[in-house]
């Protein structure tokens, strides 16, 4: 197997192990777990599950850019580097813009901005109480 193919398999394996660890600890978003803030991709997995269940409207409600990662992955696999780079930049900008909009929308039930519920805040709070209570 060529070296580049081995690297892709290694990355796929490491990513799979990381996802299994997150499932094992019953939490899917490390950013939300640690900081209490949803990540820019929050809702993408649930969008695909809704789409596979035949509910296109729910898929777009959960995350309207859910279709971009597979398109980018397909371009990357088929070595369309120039197109992939442009699409990656546009997708990143889109995900970040949508993330800001969703975090500032109080009606959004998917994206969460609750830093006080994050493990970092809780740890600091407990340490503070232990030292100064």
Protein backbone atom coordinates (compact mmCIF):
# COMPACT_ATOMS: atom_id res chain seq x y z
CA UNK A 1 0.00 0.00 0.00
CA UNK A 2 1.34 3.42 -0.88
CA UNK A 3 2.33 5.77 1.91
CA UNK A 4 -0.45 8.31 1.22
CA UNK A 5 -3.11 5.58 1.28
CA UNK A 6 -1.75 4.33 4.59
CA UNK A 7 -1.95 7.84 6.05
CA UNK A 8 -5.62 8.13 5.04
CA UNK A 9 -6.40 4.78 6.64
CA UNK A 10 -4.55 5.80 9.78
CA UNK A 11 -6.52 9.04 10.02
CA UNK A 12 -9.78 7.18 9.45
CA UNK A 13 -8.87 4.68 12.18
CA UNK A 14 -7.89 7.40 14.68
CA UNK A 15 -11.06 9.35 13.94
CA UNK A 16 -13.15 6.21 14.45
CA UNK A 17 -11.45 5.49 17.76
CA UNK A 18 -12.08 9.07 18.90
CA UNK A 19 -15.77 8.81 17.99
CA UNK A 20 -16.10 5.49 19.80
CA UNK A 21 -14.53 7.04 22.90
CA UNK A 22 -17.04 9.89 22.77
CA UNK A 23 -19.93 7.43 22.39
CA UNK A 24 -18.52 5.37 25.25
CA UNK A 25 -18.51 8.40 27.53
CA UNK A 26 -22.04 9.23 26.35
CA UNK A 27 -21.18 12.65 25.00
CA UNK A 28 -20.83 13.52 21.34
CA UNK A 29 -19.50 17.07 21.33
CA UNK A 30 -16.26 17.61 23.27
CA UNK A 31 -16.57 21.41 23.01
CA UNK A 32 -20.08 21.36 24.47
CA UNK A 33 -18.96 18.97 27.22
CA UNK A 34 -15.92 21.02 28.20
CA UNK A 35 -17.06 24.59 27.52
CA UNK A 36 -20.88 24.37 27.51
CA UNK A 37 -20.97 25.77 23.98
CA UNK A 38 -22.13 23.81 20.93
CA UNK A 39 -19.59 23.37 18.17
CA UNK A 40 -20.13 24.73 14.63
CA UNK A 41 -21.10 21.25 13.43
CA UNK A 42 -23.64 20.60 16.16
CA UNK A 43 -26.64 18.89 14.60
CA UNK A 44 -24.90 17.46 11.51
CA UNK A 45 -25.10 13.85 12.67
CA UNK A 46 -28.74 14.23 13.68
CA UNK A 47 -29.40 15.87 10.29
CA UNK A 48 -28.09 12.80 8.47
CA UNK A 49 -30.14 10.51 10.68
CA UNK A 50 -33.25 12.57 9.86
CA UNK A 51 -32.42 12.52 6.15
CA UNK A 52 -31.91 8.76 6.18
CA UNK A 53 -35.29 8.52 7.90
CA UNK A 54 -36.83 10.46 5.01
CA UNK A 55 -37.35 13.79 6.82
CA UNK A 56 -35.59 16.40 4.69
CA UNK A 57 -37.19 19.33 6.53
CA UNK A 58 -35.95 18.10 9.90
CA UNK A 59 -32.50 17.50 8.42
CA UNK A 60 -32.28 21.14 7.31
CA UNK A 61 -33.73 22.37 10.62
CA UNK A 62 -31.05 20.55 12.60
CA UNK A 63 -28.17 21.88 10.46
CA UNK A 64 -28.68 23.44 7.06
CA UNK A 65 -25.11 22.73 5.91
CA UNK A 66 -25.14 19.00 6.71
CA UNK A 67 -24.58 18.12 3.05
CA UNK A 68 -21.22 19.93 2.75
CA UNK A 69 -18.84 17.52 4.57
CA UNK A 70 -19.59 14.51 2.31
CA UNK A 71 -19.17 16.67 -0.80
CA UNK A 72 -15.80 17.94 0.49
CA UNK A 73 -14.75 14.40 1.43
CA UNK A 74 -15.66 13.14 -2.05
CA UNK A 75 -13.60 15.87 -3.69
CA UNK A 76 -10.69 15.12 -1.36
CA UNK A 77 -10.85 11.38 -2.09
CA UNK A 78 -10.91 11.98 -5.85
CA UNK A 79 -8.00 14.40 -5.57
CA UNK A 80 -9.66 17.58 -6.75
CA UNK A 81 -7.31 19.60 -4.56
CA UNK A 82 -7.94 23.05 -5.98
CA UNK A 83 -11.71 22.69 -5.87
CA UNK A 84 -11.48 21.01 -2.47
CA UNK A 85 -9.46 23.90 -1.04
CA UNK A 86 -11.96 26.48 -2.25
CA UNK A 87 -14.91 24.41 -1.03
CA UNK A 88 -13.22 23.85 2.32
CA UNK A 89 -12.76 27.60 2.78
CA UNK A 90 -16.36 28.33 1.81
CA UNK A 91 -17.66 25.52 4.02
CA UNK A 92 -15.61 26.72 6.98
CA UNK A 93 -16.87 30.28 6.54
CA UNK A 94 -20.44 29.01 6.18
CA UNK A 95 -20.22 26.78 9.24
CA UNK A 96 -18.77 29.60 11.36
CA UNK A 97 -21.34 32.17 10.18
CA UNK A 98 -24.22 29.75 10.77
CA UNK A 99 -22.75 28.88 14.18
CA UNK A 100 -22.77 32.51 15.30
CA UNK A 101 -26.33 32.99 14.05
CA UNK A 102 -27.52 29.83 15.81
CA UNK A 103 -25.80 30.65 19.11
CA UNK A 104 -27.41 34.10 19.20
CA UNK A 105 -30.88 32.78 18.33
CA UNK A 106 -32.74 31.99 21.57
CA UNK A 107 -35.29 29.92 19.62
CA UNK A 108 -32.64 27.51 18.34
CA UNK A 109 -33.01 24.28 20.29
CA UNK A 110 -29.93 22.60 18.79
CA UNK A 111 -27.09 25.07 19.34
CA UNK A 112 -26.43 25.81 23.01
CA UNK A 113 -24.53 28.64 24.66
CA UNK A 114 -24.36 27.75 28.35
CA UNK A 115 -20.76 28.10 29.57
CA UNK A 116 -21.83 27.56 33.19
CA UNK A 117 -22.79 23.97 32.33
CA UNK A 118 -19.35 23.09 30.91
CA UNK A 119 -16.90 20.90 32.77
CA UNK A 120 -14.19 23.60 32.76
CA UNK A 121 -16.47 26.11 34.47
CA UNK A 122 -17.75 23.48 36.91
CA UNK A 123 -14.17 22.45 37.78
CA UNK A 124 -13.08 26.04 38.36
CA UNK A 125 -16.19 26.67 40.44
CA UNK A 126 -15.54 23.63 42.64
CA UNK A 127 -11.88 24.57 43.04
CA UNK A 128 -12.85 28.13 43.97
CA UNK A 129 -15.36 26.89 46.53
CA UNK A 130 -12.86 24.45 48.00
CA UNK A 131 -10.18 27.14 48.34
CA UNK A 132 -12.27 30.11 49.45
CA UNK A 133 -15.40 28.68 51.11
